[in-house]
PDB file of all heavy atoms in Angstrom:
ATOM      1  N   PRO A   1      -1.150   9.278  -0.806  1.00  0.00           N
ATOM      2  CA  PRO A   1      -0.691   9.127  -2.185  1.00  0.00           C
ATOM      3  C   PRO A   1       0.828   9.005  -2.241  1.00  0.00           C
ATOM      4  O   PRO A   1       1.547   9.712  -1.530  1.00  0.00           O
ATOM      5  CB  PRO A   1      -1.169  10.409  -2.862  1.00  0.00           C
ATOM      6  CG  PRO A   1      -2.340  10.863  -2.028  1.00  0.00           C
ATOM      7  CD  PRO A   1      -1.983  10.474  -0.618  1.00  0.00           C
ATOM      8  N   GLN A   2       1.287   8.067  -3.056  1.00  0.00           N
ATOM      9  CA  GLN A   2       2.724   7.816  -3.207  1.00  0.00           C
ATOM     10  C   GLN A   2       2.971   7.496  -4.680  1.00  0.00           C
ATOM     11  O   GLN A   2       2.764   6.372  -5.131  1.00  0.00           O
ATOM     12  CB  GLN A   2       3.168   6.658  -2.320  1.00  0.00           C
ATOM     13  CG  GLN A   2       4.658   6.389  -2.310  1.00  0.00           C
ATOM     14  CD  GLN A   2       5.007   5.222  -1.408  1.00  0.00           C
ATOM     15  OE1 GLN A   2       4.625   4.093  -1.667  1.00  0.00           O
ATOM     16  NE2 GLN A   2       5.735   5.505  -0.331  1.00  0.00           N
ATOM     17  N   GLY A   3       3.390   8.505  -5.442  1.00  0.00           N
ATOM     18  CA  GLY A   3       3.526   8.325  -6.874  1.00  0.00           C
ATOM     19  C   GLY A   3       2.171   7.978  -7.476  1.00  0.00           C
ATOM     20  O   GLY A   3       1.170   8.667  -7.246  1.00  0.00           O
ATOM     21  N   ASP A   4       2.120   6.884  -8.215  1.00  0.00           N
ATOM     22  CA  ASP A   4       0.858   6.434  -8.802  1.00  0.00           C
ATOM     23  C   ASP A   4       0.094   5.497  -7.874  1.00  0.00           C
ATOM     24  O   ASP A   4      -0.969   4.987  -8.246  1.00  0.00           O
ATOM     25  CB  ASP A   4       1.128   5.705 -10.130  1.00  0.00           C
ATOM     26  CG  ASP A   4       1.663   6.650 -11.199  1.00  0.00           C
ATOM     27  OD1 ASP A   4       1.337   7.856 -11.143  1.00  0.00           O
ATOM     28  OD2 ASP A   4       2.415   6.188 -12.067  1.00  0.00           O
ATOM     29  N   GLY A   5       0.632   5.259  -6.678  1.00  0.00           N
ATOM     30  CA  GLY A   5       0.014   4.317  -5.754  1.00  0.00           C
ATOM     31  C   GLY A   5      -0.348   4.966  -4.438  1.00  0.00           C
ATOM     32  O   GLY A   5      -0.574   6.179  -4.346  1.00  0.00           O
ATOM     33  N   VAL A   6      -0.396   4.137  -3.410  1.00  0.00           N
ATOM     34  CA  VAL A   6      -0.768   4.619  -2.083  1.00  0.00           C
ATOM     35  C   VAL A   6       0.078   3.901  -1.043  1.00  0.00           C
ATOM     36  O   VAL A   6       0.283   2.688  -1.113  1.00  0.00           O
ATOM     37  CB  VAL A   6      -2.275   4.391  -1.816  1.00  0.00           C
ATOM     38  CG1 VAL A   6      -2.672   2.947  -2.026  1.00  0.00           C
ATOM     39  CG2 VAL A   6      -2.660   4.842  -0.412  1.00  0.00           C
ATOM     40  N   ALA A   7       0.628   4.675  -0.111  1.00  0.00           N
ATOM     41  CA  ALA A   7       1.309   4.119   1.052  1.00  0.00           C
ATOM     42  C   ALA A   7       0.257   3.855   2.125  1.00  0.00           C
ATOM     43  O   ALA A   7      -0.602   4.701   2.394  1.00  0.00           O
ATOM     44  CB  ALA A   7       2.371   5.078   1.565  1.00  0.00           C
ATOM     45  N   LEU A   8       0.319   2.680   2.741  1.00  0.00           N
ATOM     46  CA  LEU A   8      -0.693   2.257   3.697  1.00  0.00           C
ATOM     47  C   LEU A   8      -0.070   2.030   5.068  1.00  0.00           C
ATOM     48  O   LEU A   8       1.091   1.600   5.173  1.00  0.00           O
ATOM     49  CB  LEU A   8      -1.346   0.947   3.232  1.00  0.00           C
ATOM     50  CG  LEU A   8      -2.092   0.991   1.903  1.00  0.00           C
ATOM     51  CD1 LEU A   8      -2.371  -0.433   1.415  1.00  0.00           C
ATOM     52  CD2 LEU A   8      -3.387   1.769   2.034  1.00  0.00           C
ATOM     53  N   GLN A   9      -0.847   2.293   6.103  1.00  0.00           N
ATOM     54  CA  GLN A   9      -0.432   1.915   7.440  1.00  0.00           C
ATOM     55  C   GLN A   9      -1.661   1.641   8.296  1.00  0.00           C
ATOM     56  O   GLN A   9      -2.742   2.170   8.039  1.00  0.00           O
ATOM     57  CB  GLN A   9       0.452   2.967   8.101  1.00  0.00           C
ATOM     58  CG  GLN A   9      -0.194   4.310   8.345  1.00  0.00           C
ATOM     59  CD  GLN A   9       0.781   5.291   8.990  1.00  0.00           C
ATOM     60  OE1 GLN A   9       1.964   5.297   8.698  1.00  0.00           O
ATOM     61  NE2 GLN A   9       0.265   6.116   9.888  1.00  0.00           N
ATOM     62  N   VAL A  10      -1.471   0.781   9.278  1.00  0.00           N
ATOM     63  CA  VAL A  10      -2.535   0.427  10.217  1.00  0.00           C
ATOM     64  C   VAL A  10      -2.068   0.807  11.611  1.00  0.00           C
ATOM     65  O   VAL A  10      -0.958   0.439  12.031  1.00  0.00           O
ATOM     66  CB  VAL A  10      -2.862  -1.081  10.165  1.00  0.00           C
ATOM     67  CG1 VAL A  10      -3.968  -1.415  11.162  1.00  0.00           C
ATOM     68  CG2 VAL A  10      -3.266  -1.497   8.762  1.00  0.00           C
ATOM     69  N   GLU A  11      -2.921   1.533  12.330  1.00  0.00           N
ATOM     70  CA  GLU A  11      -2.636   1.919  13.703  1.00  0.00           C
ATOM     71  C   GLU A  11      -3.712   1.344  14.615  1.00  0.00           C
ATOM     72  O   GLU A  11      -4.887   1.263  14.248  1.00  0.00           O
ATOM     73  CB  GLU A  11      -2.614   3.440  13.844  1.00  0.00           C
ATOM     74  CG  GLU A  11      -1.558   4.128  12.997  1.00  0.00           C
ATOM     75  CD  GLU A  11      -1.745   5.636  12.980  1.00  0.00           C
ATOM     76  OE1 GLU A  11      -2.794   6.108  13.478  1.00  0.00           O
ATOM     77  OE2 GLU A  11      -0.867   6.338  12.457  1.00  0.00           O
ATOM     78  N   SER A  12      -3.305   0.940  15.810  1.00  0.00           N
ATOM     79  CA  SER A  12      -4.251   0.475  16.821  1.00  0.00           C
ATOM     80  C   SER A  12      -3.644   0.704  18.192  1.00  0.00           C
ATOM     81  O   SER A  12      -2.436   0.526  18.378  1.00  0.00           O
ATOM     82  CB  SER A  12      -4.567  -1.013  16.610  1.00  0.00           C
ATOM     83  OG  SER A  12      -5.586  -1.440  17.485  1.00  0.00           O
ATOM     84  N   ARG A  13      -4.450   1.106  19.121  1.00  0.00           N
ATOM     85  CA  ARG A  13      -3.998   1.382  20.502  1.00  0.00           C
ATOM     86  C   ARG A  13      -2.830   2.362  20.512  1.00  0.00           C
ATOM     87  O   ARG A  13      -1.930   2.270  21.340  1.00  0.00           O
ATOM     88  CB  ARG A  13      -3.629   0.089  21.224  1.00  0.00           C
ATOM     89  CG  ARG A  13      -4.753  -0.931  21.279  1.00  0.00           C
ATOM     90  CD  ARG A  13      -4.654  -1.898  22.428  1.00  0.00           C
ATOM     91  NE  ARG A  13      -3.399  -2.596  22.511  1.00  0.00           N
ATOM     92  CZ  ARG A  13      -3.141  -3.569  23.378  1.00  0.00           C
ATOM     93  NH1 ARG A  13      -4.066  -3.956  24.245  1.00  0.00           N
ATOM     94  NH2 ARG A  13      -1.969  -4.164  23.404  1.00  0.00           N
ATOM     95  N   GLY A  14      -2.824   3.305  19.579  1.00  0.00           N
ATOM     96  CA  GLY A  14      -1.783   4.315  19.530  1.00  0.00           C
ATOM     97  C   GLY A  14      -0.460   3.832  18.973  1.00  0.00           C
ATOM     98  O   GLY A  14       0.542   4.569  19.047  1.00  0.00           O
ATOM     99  N   GLU A  15      -0.421   2.631  18.384  1.00  0.00           N
ATOM    100  CA  GLU A  15       0.824   2.085  17.854  1.00  0.00           C
ATOM    101  C   GLU A  15       0.693   1.787  16.365  1.00  0.00           C
ATOM    102  O   GLU A  15      -0.392   1.455  15.869  1.00  0.00           O
ATOM    103  CB  GLU A  15       1.194   0.786  18.573  1.00  0.00           C
ATOM    104  CG  GLU A  15       1.542   0.964  20.037  1.00  0.00           C
ATOM    105  CD  GLU A  15       2.055  -0.338  20.648  1.00  0.00           C
ATOM    106  OE1 GLU A  15       1.428  -1.389  20.411  1.00  0.00           O
ATOM    107  OE2 GLU A  15       3.086  -0.280  21.347  1.00  0.00           O
ATOM    108  N   LEU A  16       1.816   1.897  15.650  1.00  0.00           N
ATOM    109  CA  LEU A  16       1.872   1.494  14.262  1.00  0.00           C
ATOM    110  C   LEU A  16       1.952  -0.024  14.212  1.00  0.00           C
ATOM    111  O   LEU A  16       2.883  -0.619  14.753  1.00  0.00           O
ATOM    112  CB  LEU A  16       3.090   2.110  13.578  1.00  0.00           C
ATOM    113  CG  LEU A  16       3.288   1.739  12.109  1.00  0.00           C
ATOM    114  CD1 LEU A  16       2.145   2.265  11.253  1.00  0.00           C
ATOM    115  CD2 LEU A  16       4.633   2.271  11.612  1.00  0.00           C
ATOM    116  N   CYS A  17       0.967  -0.650  13.588  1.00  0.00           N
ATOM    117  CA  CYS A  17       0.879  -2.112  13.590  1.00  0.00           C
ATOM    118  C   CYS A  17       1.256  -2.743  12.255  1.00  0.00           C
ATOM    119  O   CYS A  17       1.694  -3.902  12.216  1.00  0.00           O
ATOM    120  CB  CYS A  17      -0.535  -2.544  13.965  1.00  0.00           C
ATOM    121  SG  CYS A  17      -1.023  -2.050  15.621  1.00  0.00           S
ATOM    122  N   ALA A  18       1.055  -2.031  11.155  1.00  0.00           N
ATOM    123  CA  ALA A  18       1.373  -2.590   9.840  1.00  0.00           C
ATOM    124  C   ALA A  18       1.680  -1.462   8.883  1.00  0.00           C
ATOM    125  O   ALA A  18       1.137  -0.356   8.997  1.00  0.00           O
ATOM    126  CB  ALA A  18       0.220  -3.436   9.309  1.00  0.00           C
ATOM    127  N   THR A  19       2.562  -1.741   7.931  1.00  0.00           N
ATOM    128  CA  THR A  19       2.878  -0.798   6.861  1.00  0.00           C
ATOM    129  C   THR A  19       2.756  -1.526   5.530  1.00  0.00           C
ATOM    130  O   THR A  19       2.818  -2.761   5.466  1.00  0.00           O
ATOM    131  CB  THR A  19       4.299  -0.242   7.002  1.00  0.00           C
ATOM    132  OG1 THR A  19       5.240  -1.328   6.917  1.00  0.00           O
ATOM    133  CG2 THR A  19       4.488   0.474   8.331  1.00  0.00           C
ATOM    134  N   GLY A  20       2.604  -0.763   4.472  1.00  0.00           N
ATOM    135  CA  GLY A  20       2.519  -1.395   3.161  1.00  0.00           C
ATOM    136  C   GLY A  20       2.289  -0.379   2.073  1.00  0.00           C
ATOM    137  O   GLY A  20       2.332   0.836   2.300  1.00  0.00           O
ATOM    138  N   GLN A  21       2.041  -0.882   0.883  1.00  0.00           N
ATOM    139  CA  GLN A  21       1.737  -0.029  -0.244  1.00  0.00           C
ATOM    140  C   GLN A  21       0.895  -0.802  -1.251  1.00  0.00           C
ATOM    141  O   GLN A  21       0.907  -2.029  -1.267  1.00  0.00           O
ATOM    142  CB  GLN A  21       2.995   0.510  -0.924  1.00  0.00           C
ATOM    143  CG  GLN A  21       4.047  -0.503  -1.255  1.00  0.00           C
ATOM    144  CD  GLN A  21       5.003  -0.758  -0.110  1.00  0.00           C
ATOM    145  OE1 GLN A  21       5.236   0.102   0.732  1.00  0.00           O
ATOM    146  NE2 GLN A  21       5.562  -1.945  -0.081  1.00  0.00           N
ATOM    147  N   ALA A  22       0.155  -0.047  -2.055  1.00  0.00           N
ATOM    148  CA  ALA A  22      -0.678  -0.646  -3.093  1.00  0.00           C
ATOM    149  C   ALA A  22      -0.569   0.204  -4.347  1.00  0.00           C
ATOM    150  O   ALA A  22      -0.344   1.416  -4.288  1.00  0.00           O
ATOM    151  CB  ALA A  22      -2.134  -0.744  -2.641  1.00  0.00           C
ATOM    152  N   SER A  23      -0.736  -0.455  -5.500  1.00  0.00           N
ATOM    153  CA  SER A  23      -0.689   0.253  -6.774  1.00  0.00           C
ATOM    154  C   SER A  23      -1.519  -0.514  -7.787  1.00  0.00           C
ATOM    155  O   SER A  23      -1.953  -1.648  -7.548  1.00  0.00           O
ATOM    156  CB  SER A  23       0.755   0.409  -7.267  1.00  0.00           C
ATOM    157  OG  SER A  23       1.364  -0.861  -7.458  1.00  0.00           O
ATOM    158  N   LEU A  24      -1.751   0.124  -8.933  1.00  0.00           N
ATOM    159  CA  LEU A  24      -2.536  -0.479  -9.997  1.00  0.00           C
ATOM    160  C   LEU A  24      -1.703  -0.503 -11.269  1.00  0.00           C
ATOM    161  O   LEU A  24      -1.664   0.487 -12.014  1.00  0.00           O
ATOM    162  CB  LEU A  24      -3.829   0.304 -10.220  1.00  0.00           C
ATOM    163  CG  LEU A  24      -4.796  -0.320 -11.232  1.00  0.00           C
ATOM    164  CD1 LEU A  24      -5.387  -1.612 -10.675  1.00  0.00           C
ATOM    165  CD2 LEU A  24      -5.902   0.663 -11.596  1.00  0.00           C
ATOM    166  N   PRO A  25      -1.015  -1.618 -11.538  1.00  0.00           N
ATOM    167  CA  PRO A  25      -0.260  -1.721 -12.794  1.00  0.00           C
ATOM    168  C   PRO A  25      -1.177  -1.551 -14.002  1.00  0.00           C
ATOM    169  O   PRO A  25      -2.384  -1.810 -13.937  1.00  0.00           O
ATOM    170  CB  PRO A  25       0.323  -3.139 -12.740  1.00  0.00           C
ATOM    171  CG  PRO A  25       0.331  -3.494 -11.283  1.00  0.00           C
ATOM    172  CD  PRO A  25      -0.859  -2.807 -10.702  1.00  0.00           C
ATOM    173  N   ALA A  26      -0.592  -1.141 -15.113  1.00  0.00           N
ATOM    174  CA  ALA A  26      -1.377  -0.936 -16.334  1.00  0.00           C
ATOM    175  C   ALA A  26      -2.017  -2.230 -16.817  1.00  0.00           C
ATOM    176  O   ALA A  26      -3.086  -2.219 -17.420  1.00  0.00           O
ATOM    177  CB  ALA A  26      -0.498  -0.336 -17.423  1.00  0.00           C
ATOM    178  N   ARG A  27      -1.348  -3.339 -16.545  1.00  0.00           N
ATOM    179  CA  ARG A  27      -1.896  -4.645 -16.917  1.00  0.00           C
ATOM    180  C   ARG A  27      -1.356  -5.691 -15.952  1.00  0.00           C
ATOM    181  O   ARG A  27      -0.294  -5.491 -15.338  1.00  0.00           O
ATOM    182  CB  ARG A  27      -1.548  -5.015 -18.363  1.00  0.00           C
ATOM    183  CG  ARG A  27      -0.054  -5.124 -18.632  1.00  0.00           C
ATOM    184  CD  ARG A  27       0.239  -5.311 -20.103  1.00  0.00           C
ATOM    185  NE  ARG A  27      -0.254  -4.187 -20.897  1.00  0.00           N
ATOM    186  CZ  ARG A  27       0.418  -3.049 -21.059  1.00  0.00           C
ATOM    187  NH1 ARG A  27       1.586  -2.865 -20.447  1.00  0.00           N
ATOM    188  NH2 ARG A  27      -0.075  -2.086 -21.798  1.00  0.00           N
ATOM    189  N   ALA A  28      -2.074  -6.781 -15.819  1.00  0.00           N
ATOM    190  CA  ALA A  28      -1.589  -7.874 -14.981  1.00  0.00           C
ATOM    191  C   ALA A  28      -0.412  -8.547 -15.682  1.00  0.00           C
ATOM    192  O   ALA A  28      -0.478  -8.814 -16.885  1.00  0.00           O
ATOM    193  CB  ALA A  28      -2.702  -8.876 -14.735  1.00  0.00           C
ATOM    194  N   PRO A  29       0.675  -8.816 -14.972  1.00  0.00           N
ATOM    195  CA  PRO A  29       1.814  -9.477 -15.607  1.00  0.00           C
ATOM    196  C   PRO A  29       1.472 -10.906 -16.016  1.00  0.00           C
ATOM    197  O   PRO A  29       0.651 -11.572 -15.388  1.00  0.00           O
ATOM    198  CB  PRO A  29       2.889  -9.454 -14.512  1.00  0.00           C
ATOM    199  CG  PRO A  29       2.136  -9.326 -13.231  1.00  0.00           C
ATOM    200  CD  PRO A  29       0.901  -8.539 -13.542  1.00  0.00           C
ATOM    201  N   ALA A  30       2.114 -11.368 -17.071  1.00  0.00           N
ATOM    202  CA  ALA A  30       1.928 -12.749 -17.515  1.00  0.00           C
ATOM    203  C   ALA A  30       2.626 -13.696 -16.545  1.00  0.00           C
ATOM    204  O   ALA A  30       3.715 -13.401 -16.048  1.00  0.00           O
ATOM    205  CB  ALA A  30       2.482 -12.929 -18.918  1.00  0.00           C
ATOM    206  N   VAL A  31       1.992 -14.816 -16.263  1.00  0.00           N
ATOM    207  CA  VAL A  31       2.556 -15.826 -15.370  1.00  0.00           C
ATOM    208  C   VAL A  31       2.484 -17.178 -16.076  1.00  0.00           C
ATOM    209  O   VAL A  31       1.460 -17.515 -16.691  1.00  0.00           O
ATOM    210  CB  VAL A  31       1.787 -15.883 -14.031  1.00  0.00           C
ATOM    211  CG1 VAL A  31       2.273 -17.036 -13.172  1.00  0.00           C
ATOM    212  CG2 VAL A  31       1.927 -14.578 -13.273  1.00  0.00           C
TER     213      VAL A  31
END
């Protein structure tokens, strides 16, 4: 958990392979 979202990471073979984050905005922004 990271604030209202989530910090993500991927590990494989004992190594950190990817980092990231995800969240859910209250609404989709207009484009």
